[in-house]
PDB file of N, CA and C in Angstrom:
ATOM      1  N   MET A   1      47.491 104.548 170.213  1.00  0.00           N
ATOM      2  CA  MET A   1      48.325 105.604 170.781  1.00  0.00           C
ATOM      3  C   MET A   1      49.594 105.741 169.951  1.00  0.00           C
ATOM      4  N   ASN A   2      50.021 106.957 169.753  1.00  0.00           N
ATOM      5  CA  ASN A   2      51.228 107.212 168.984  1.00  0.00           C
ATOM      6  C   ASN A   2      52.438 106.666 169.735  1.00  0.00           C
ATOM      7  N   THR A   3      53.342 106.015 169.028  1.00  0.00           N
ATOM      8  CA  THR A   3      54.493 105.391 169.673  1.00  0.00           C
ATOM      9  C   THR A   3      55.555 106.396 170.095  1.00  0.00           C
ATOM     10  N   LEU A   4      55.414 107.656 169.737  1.00  0.00           N
ATOM     11  CA  LEU A   4      56.427 108.645 170.101  1.00  0.00           C
ATOM     12  C   LEU A   4      56.095 109.414 171.380  1.00  0.00           C
ATOM     13  N   TRP A   5      54.959 109.137 172.008  1.00  0.00           N
ATOM     14  CA  TRP A   5      54.636 109.800 173.268  1.00  0.00           C
ATOM     15  C   TRP A   5      55.570 109.359 174.385  1.00  0.00           C
ATOM     16  N   ALA A   6      55.883 108.092 174.447  1.00  0.00           N
ATOM     17  CA  ALA A   6      56.746 107.584 175.524  1.00  0.00           C
ATOM     18  C   ALA A   6      58.150 108.195 175.475  1.00  0.00           C
ATOM     19  N   PRO A   7      58.830 108.223 174.324  1.00  0.00           N
ATOM     20  CA  PRO A   7      60.133 108.883 174.316  1.00  0.00           C
ATOM     21  C   PRO A   7      60.042 110.384 174.594  1.00  0.00           C
ATOM     22  N   PHE A   8      58.952 111.017 174.186  1.00  0.00           N
ATOM     23  CA  PHE A   8      58.763 112.437 174.476  1.00  0.00           C
ATOM     24  C   PHE A   8      58.681 112.666 175.980  1.00  0.00           C
ATOM     25  N   VAL A   9      57.901 111.836 176.661  1.00  0.00           N
ATOM     26  CA  VAL A   9      57.757 111.962 178.113  1.00  0.00           C
ATOM     27  C   VAL A   9      59.088 111.640 178.798  1.00  0.00           C
ATOM     28  N   LEU A  10      59.761 110.586 178.352  1.00  0.00           N
ATOM     29  CA  LEU A  10      61.049 110.235 178.952  1.00  0.00           C
ATOM     30  C   LEU A  10      62.079 111.344 178.784  1.00  0.00           C
ATOM     31  N   LEU A  11      62.116 111.937 177.625  1.00  0.00           N
ATOM     32  CA  LEU A  11      63.075 113.024 177.384  1.00  0.00           C
ATOM     33  C   LEU A  11      62.789 114.209 178.301  1.00  0.00           C
ATOM     34  N   ASN A  12      61.525 114.536 178.479  1.00  0.00           N
ATOM     35  CA  ASN A  12      61.173 115.644 179.364  1.00  0.00           C
ATOM     36  C   ASN A  12      61.459 115.326 180.825  1.00  0.00           C
ATOM     37  N   ILE A  13      61.219 114.083 181.237  1.00  0.00           N
ATOM     38  CA  ILE A  13      61.542 113.679 182.605  1.00  0.00           C
ATOM     39  C   ILE A  13      63.052 113.758 182.830  1.00  0.00           C
ATOM     40  N   GLY A  14      63.814 113.255 181.875  1.00  0.00           N
ATOM     41  CA  GLY A  14      65.269 113.297 182.000  1.00  0.00           C
ATOM     42  C   GLY A  14      65.806 114.714 182.054  1.00  0.00           C
ATOM     43  N   CYS A  15      65.284 115.581 181.215  1.00  0.00           N
ATOM     44  CA  CYS A  15      65.742 116.963 181.182  1.00  0.00           C
ATOM     45  C   CYS A  15      65.361 117.698 182.467  1.00  0.00           C
ATOM     46  N   THR A  16      64.136 117.517 182.909  1.00  0.00           N
ATOM     47  CA  THR A  16      63.691 118.150 184.152  1.00  0.00           C
ATOM     48  C   THR A  16      64.500 117.646 185.338  1.00  0.00           C
ATOM     49  N   GLY A  17      64.714 116.333 185.378  1.00  0.00           N
ATOM     50  CA  GLY A  17      65.510 115.761 186.462  1.00  0.00           C
ATOM     51  C   GLY A  17      66.927 116.289 186.470  1.00  0.00           C
ATOM     52  N   ARG A  18      67.509 116.436 185.309  1.00  0.00           N
ATOM     53  CA  ARG A  18      68.888 116.943 185.224  1.00  0.00           C
ATOM     54  C   ARG A  18      68.965 118.379 185.727  1.00  0.00           C
ATOM     55  N   VAL A  19      68.033 119.215 185.333  1.00  0.00           N
ATOM     56  CA  VAL A  19      68.044 120.614 185.773  1.00  0.00           C
ATOM     57  C   VAL A  19      67.839 120.698 187.281  1.00  0.00           C
ATOM     58  N   LEU A  20      66.883 119.965 187.799  1.00  0.00           N
ATOM     59  CA  LEU A  20      66.641 119.990 189.243  1.00  0.00           C
ATOM     60  C   LEU A  20      67.833 119.452 190.026  1.00  0.00           C
ATOM     61  N   LEU A  21      68.426 118.391 189.526  1.00  0.00           N
ATOM     62  CA  LEU A  21      69.573 117.820 190.242  1.00  0.00           C
ATOM     63  C   LEU A  21      70.796 118.722 190.174  1.00  0.00           C
ATOM     64  N   GLN A  22      70.958 119.452 189.085  1.00  0.00           N
ATOM     65  CA  GLN A  22      72.080 120.380 189.020  1.00  0.00           C
ATOM     66  C   GLN A  22      71.924 121.515 190.027  1.00  0.00           C
ATOM     67  N   VAL A  23      70.697 121.933 190.263  1.00  0.00           N
ATOM     68  CA  VAL A  23      70.460 122.932 191.300  1.00  0.00           C
ATOM     69  C   VAL A  23      70.737 122.315 192.674  1.00  0.00           C
ATOM     70  N   LEU A  24      70.322 121.072 192.857  1.00  0.00           N
ATOM     71  CA  LEU A  24      70.514 120.410 194.148  1.00  0.00           C
ATOM     72  C   LEU A  24      71.983 120.106 194.458  1.00  0.00           C
ATOM     73  N   THR A  25      72.853 120.125 193.454  1.00  0.00           N
ATOM     74  CA  THR A  25      74.272 119.878 193.741  1.00  0.00           C
ATOM     75  C   THR A  25      74.862 120.947 194.661  1.00  0.00           C
ATOM     76  N   ASP A  26      74.248 122.123 194.702  1.00  0.00           N
ATOM     77  CA  ASP A  26      74.722 123.168 195.613  1.00  0.00           C
ATOM     78  C   ASP A  26      74.352 122.854 197.064  1.00  0.00           C
ATOM     79  N   PHE A  27      73.276 122.106 197.252  1.00  0.00           N
ATOM     80  CA  PHE A  27      72.772 121.880 198.607  1.00  0.00           C
ATOM     81  C   PHE A  27      73.077 120.477 199.137  1.00  0.00           C
ATOM     82  N   VAL A  28      72.899 119.464 198.307  1.00  0.00           N
ATOM     83  CA  VAL A  28      73.160 118.072 198.726  1.00  0.00           C
ATOM     84  C   VAL A  28      73.951 117.359 197.623  1.00  0.00           C
ATOM     85  N   PRO A  29      75.230 117.667 197.485  1.00  0.00           N
ATOM     86  CA  PRO A  29      76.003 117.119 196.369  1.00  0.00           C
ATOM     87  C   PRO A  29      76.157 115.595 196.418  1.00  0.00           C
ATOM     88  N   LYS A  30      76.195 115.004 197.614  1.00  0.00           N
ATOM     89  CA  LYS A  30      76.378 113.557 197.698  1.00  0.00           C
ATOM     90  C   LYS A  30      75.162 112.791 197.210  1.00  0.00           C
ATOM     91  N   VAL A  31      74.015 113.414 197.218  1.00  0.00           N
ATOM     92  CA  VAL A  31      72.791 112.782 196.725  1.00  0.00           C
ATOM     93  C   VAL A  31      72.589 113.098 195.237  1.00  0.00           C
ATOM     94  N   ALA A  32      72.839 114.335 194.867  1.00  0.00           N
ATOM     95  CA  ALA A  32      72.500 114.790 193.524  1.00  0.00           C
ATOM     96  C   ALA A  32      73.453 114.275 192.448  1.00  0.00           C
ATOM     97  N   TYR A  33      74.753 114.274 192.712  1.00  0.00           N
ATOM     98  CA  TYR A  33      75.710 113.893 191.667  1.00  0.00           C
ATOM     99  C   TYR A  33      75.516 112.473 191.137  1.00  0.00           C
ATOM    100  N   PRO A  34      75.303 111.472 191.982  1.00  0.00           N
ATOM    101  CA  PRO A  34      75.098 110.127 191.426  1.00  0.00           C
ATOM    102  C   PRO A  34      73.831 110.003 190.576  1.00  0.00           C
ATOM    103  N   LEU A  35      72.809 110.795 190.895  1.00  0.00           N
ATOM    104  CA  LEU A  35      71.552 110.694 190.152  1.00  0.00           C
ATOM    105  C   LEU A  35      71.586 111.419 188.816  1.00  0.00           C
ATOM    106  N   ILE A  36      72.498 112.358 188.649  1.00  0.00           N
ATOM    107  CA  ILE A  36      72.595 113.086 187.381  1.00  0.00           C
ATOM    108  C   ILE A  36      72.916 112.117 186.239  1.00  0.00           C
ATOM    109  N   GLY A  37      73.771 111.155 186.503  1.00  0.00           N
ATOM    110  CA  GLY A  37      74.083 110.165 185.474  1.00  0.00           C
ATOM    111  C   GLY A  37      72.871 109.363 185.050  1.00  0.00           C
ATOM    112  N   PHE A  38      71.999 109.064 185.985  1.00  0.00           N
ATOM    113  CA  PHE A  38      70.788 108.303 185.666  1.00  0.00           C
ATOM    114  C   PHE A  38      69.852 109.111 184.771  1.00  0.00           C
ATOM    115  N   THR A  39      69.761 110.420 185.007  1.00  0.00           N
ATOM    116  CA  THR A  39      68.914 111.239 184.136  1.00  0.00           C
ATOM    117  C   THR A  39      69.477 111.288 182.713  1.00  0.00           C
ATOM    118  N   GLY A  40      70.795 111.267 182.603  1.00  0.00           N
ATOM    119  CA  GLY A  40      71.399 111.194 181.266  1.00  0.00           C
ATOM    120  C   GLY A  40      71.055 109.892 180.569  1.00  0.00           C
ATOM    121  N   PHE A  41      71.024 108.803 181.341  1.00  0.00           N
ATOM    122  CA  PHE A  41      70.640 107.509 180.775  1.00  0.00           C
ATOM    123  C   PHE A  41      69.183 107.531 180.307  1.00  0.00           C
ATOM    124  N   ILE A  42      68.317 108.185 181.073  1.00  0.00           N
ATOM    125  CA  ILE A  42      66.911 108.301 180.670  1.00  0.00           C
ATOM    126  C   ILE A  42      66.810 109.069 179.351  1.00  0.00           C
ATOM    127  N   GLU A  43      67.547 110.170 179.238  1.00  0.00           N
ATOM    128  CA  GLU A  43      67.510 110.953 178.001  1.00  0.00           C
ATOM    129  C   GLU A  43      68.095 110.184 176.825  1.00  0.00           C
ATOM    130  N   LEU A  44      69.167 109.451 177.063  1.00  0.00           N
ATOM    131  CA  LEU A  44      69.762 108.639 176.002  1.00  0.00           C
ATOM    132  C   LEU A  44      68.795 107.555 175.530  1.00  0.00           C
ATOM    133  N   THR A  45      68.096 106.939 176.467  1.00  0.00           N
ATOM    134  CA  THR A  45      67.098 105.931 176.114  1.00  0.00           C
ATOM    135  C   THR A  45      65.990 106.543 175.255  1.00  0.00           C
ATOM    136  N   ALA A  46      65.517 107.716 175.645  1.00  0.00           N
ATOM    137  CA  ALA A  46      64.458 108.383 174.888  1.00  0.00           C
ATOM    138  C   ALA A  46      64.920 108.740 173.472  1.00  0.00           C
ATOM    139  N   LEU A  47      66.137 109.255 173.347  1.00  0.00           N
ATOM    140  CA  LEU A  47      66.641 109.621 172.015  1.00  0.00           C
ATOM    141  C   LEU A  47      66.886 108.395 171.146  1.00  0.00           C
ATOM    142  N   THR A  48      67.327 107.308 171.747  1.00  0.00           N
ATOM    143  CA  THR A  48      67.512 106.067 170.995  1.00  0.00           C
ATOM    144  C   THR A  48      66.175 105.539 170.502  1.00  0.00           C
ATOM    145  N   TRP A  49      65.186 105.540 171.378  1.00  0.00           N
ATOM    146  CA  TRP A  49      63.829 105.089 171.021  1.00  0.00           C
ATOM    147  C   TRP A  49      63.286 105.934 169.875  1.00  0.00           C
ATOM    148  N   TRP A  50      63.442 107.269 169.984  1.00  0.00           N
ATOM    149  CA  TRP A  50      62.964 108.167 168.942  1.00  0.00           C
ATOM    150  C   TRP A  50      63.689 107.897 167.620  1.00  0.00           C
ATOM    151  N   GLY A  51      64.998 107.673 167.688  1.00  0.00           N
ATOM    152  CA  GLY A  51      65.769 107.395 166.476  1.00  0.00           C
ATOM    153  C   GLY A  51      65.343 106.111 165.798  1.00  0.00           C
ATOM    154  N   ILE A  52      65.065 105.083 166.584  1.00  0.00           N
ATOM    155  CA  ILE A  52      64.605 103.810 166.018  1.00  0.00           C
ATOM    156  C   ILE A  52      63.252 103.991 165.342  1.00  0.00           C
ATOM    157  N   GLU A  53      62.347 104.720 165.991  1.00  0.00           N
ATOM    158  CA  GLU A  53      61.032 104.961 165.384  1.00  0.00           C
ATOM    159  C   GLU A  53      61.150 105.798 164.112  1.00  0.00           C
ATOM    160  N   LEU A  54      62.051 106.767 164.111  1.00  0.00           N
ATOM    161  CA  LEU A  54      62.281 107.569 162.912  1.00  0.00           C
ATOM    162  C   LEU A  54      62.820 106.709 161.786  1.00  0.00           C
ATOM    163  N   TRP A  55      63.769 105.835 162.106  1.00  0.00           N
ATOM    164  CA  TRP A  55      64.324 104.940 161.101  1.00  0.00           C
ATOM    165  C   TRP A  55      63.252 104.017 160.544  1.00  0.00           C
ATOM    166  N   ARG A  56      62.401 103.473 161.412  1.00  0.00           N
ATOM    167  CA  ARG A  56      61.321 102.594 160.947  1.00  0.00           C
ATOM    168  C   ARG A  56      60.355 103.337 160.043  1.00  0.00           C
ATOM    169  N   THR A  57      60.026 104.569 160.415  1.00  0.00           N
ATOM    170  CA  THR A  57      59.104 105.365 159.600  1.00  0.00           C
ATOM    171  C   THR A  57      59.706 105.647 158.231  1.00  0.00           C
ATOM    172  N   MET A  58      60.960 106.007 158.184  1.00  0.00           N
ATOM    173  CA  MET A  58      61.609 106.277 156.906  1.00  0.00           C
ATOM    174  C   MET A  58      61.738 104.996 156.083  1.00  0.00           C
ATOM    175  N   ASN A  59      61.965 103.890 156.727  1.00  0.00           N
ATOM    176  CA  ASN A  59      62.081 102.618 156.030  1.00  0.00           C
ATOM    177  C   ASN A  59      60.744 102.194 155.431  1.00  0.00           C
ATOM    178  N   VAL A  60      59.653 102.398 156.148  1.00  0.00           N
ATOM    179  CA  VAL A  60      58.328 102.065 155.629  1.00  0.00           C
ATOM    180  C   VAL A  60      57.989 102.970 154.461  1.00  0.00           C
ATOM    181  N   ALA A  61      58.320 104.243 154.568  1.00  0.00           N
ATOM    182  CA  ALA A  61      58.027 105.175 153.482  1.00  0.00           C
ATOM    183  C   ALA A  61      58.772 104.786 152.222  1.00  0.00           C
ATOM    184  N   LYS A  62      59.965 104.248 152.375  1.00  0.00           N
ATOM    185  CA  LYS A  62      60.755 103.848 151.211  1.00  0.00           C
ATOM    186  C   LYS A  62      60.131 102.640 150.507  1.00  0.00           C
ATOM    187  N   THR A  63      59.586 101.704 151.252  1.00  0.00           N
ATOM    188  CA  THR A  63      59.040 100.492 150.644  1.00  0.00           C
ATOM    189  C   THR A  63      57.630 100.671 150.121  1.00  0.00           C
ATOM    190  N   SER A  64      56.880 101.645 150.632  1.00  0.00           N
ATOM    191  CA  SER A  64      55.501 101.813 150.176  1.00  0.00           C
ATOM    192  C   SER A  64      55.324 103.064 149.317  1.00  0.00           C
ATOM    193  N   ARG A  65      56.396 103.522 148.743  1.00  0.00           N
ATOM    194  CA  ARG A  65      56.357 104.704 147.893  1.00  0.00           C
ATOM    195  C   ARG A  65      55.554 104.409 146.621  1.00  0.00           C
ATOM    196  N   THR A  66      54.828 105.375 146.175  1.00  0.00           N
ATOM    197  CA  THR A  66      54.052 105.191 144.942  1.00  0.00           C
ATOM    198  C   THR A  66      54.983 105.207 143.740  1.00  0.00           C
ATOM    199  N   LYS A  67      54.453 104.871 142.614  1.00  0.00           N
ATOM    200  CA  LYS A  67      55.236 104.801 141.375  1.00  0.00           C
ATOM    201  C   LYS A  67      55.425 106.172 140.735  1.00  0.00           C
ATOM    202  N   LEU A  68      55.107 107.222 141.460  1.00  0.00           N
ATOM    203  CA  LEU A  68      55.202 108.561 140.908  1.00  0.00           C
ATOM    204  C   LEU A  68      56.618 108.890 140.456  1.00  0.00           C
ATOM    205  N   LEU A  69      57.606 108.486 141.236  1.00  0.00           N
ATOM    206  CA  LEU A  69      58.977 108.828 140.886  1.00  0.00           C
ATOM    207  C   LEU A  69      59.515 108.031 139.711  1.00  0.00           C
ATOM    208  N   THR A  70      58.904 106.910 139.404  1.00  0.00           N
ATOM    209  CA  THR A  70      59.390 106.101 138.286  1.00  0.00           C
ATOM    210  C   THR A  70      58.664 106.428 136.978  1.00  0.00           C
ATOM    211  N   ALA A  71      57.633 107.263 137.041  1.00  0.00           N
ATOM    212  CA  ALA A  71      56.909 107.638 135.832  1.00  0.00           C
ATOM    213  C   ALA A  71      57.776 108.577 134.996  1.00  0.00           C
ATOM    214  N   PRO A  72      57.675 108.477 133.684  1.00  0.00           N
ATOM    215  CA  PRO A  72      58.475 109.367 132.825  1.00  0.00           C
ATOM    216  C   PRO A  72      57.975 110.802 132.944  1.00  0.00           C
ATOM    217  N   PHE A  73      58.907 111.722 133.065  1.00  0.00           N
ATOM    218  CA  PHE A  73      58.551 113.122 133.137  1.00  0.00           C
ATOM    219  C   PHE A  73      58.435 113.681 131.725  1.00  0.00           C
ATOM    220  N   PRO A  74      57.469 114.545 131.494  1.00  0.00           N
ATOM    221  CA  PRO A  74      57.365 115.152 130.145  1.00  0.00           C
ATOM    222  C   PRO A  74      58.546 116.071 129.883  1.00  0.00           C
ATOM    223  N   LEU A  75      59.042 116.025 128.685  1.00  0.00           N
ATOM    224  CA  LEU A  75      60.142 116.885 128.288  1.00  0.00           C
ATOM    225  C   LEU A  75      59.605 118.266 127.944  1.00  0.00           C
ATOM    226  N   PRO A  76      60.324 119.296 128.292  1.00  0.00           N
ATOM    227  CA  PRO A  76      59.854 120.649 127.938  1.00  0.00           C
ATOM    228  C   PRO A  76      59.929 120.840 126.417  1.00  0.00           C
ATOM    229  N   ALA A  77      59.018 121.616 125.924  1.00  0.00           N
ATOM    230  CA  ALA A  77      58.979 121.890 124.475  1.00  0.00           C
ATOM    231  C   ALA A  77      60.185 122.730 124.086  1.00  0.00           C
ATOM    232  N   GLN A  78      60.760 122.376 122.953  1.00  0.00           N
ATOM    233  CA  GLN A  78      61.966 123.087 122.509  1.00  0.00           C
ATOM    234  C   GLN A  78      61.665 123.943 121.311  1.00  0.00           C
TER     235      GLN A  78
END
């Protein structure tokens, strides 16, 4: 399974929860306001997870790069 599905789902849950709770602040503010912070934490967790996976992917690409970039390039004819 791809490791980026979990942060994708968490980000969507956090975003959906935030939108729903912001609507609920008009009707039950004492319940909705404390939970809005938790949805932000869920989104922050998802973005951190995604950033770590992105960093790992870029780091692996750097170490397993082929020798193509170190090969001498042909000079244009003059």
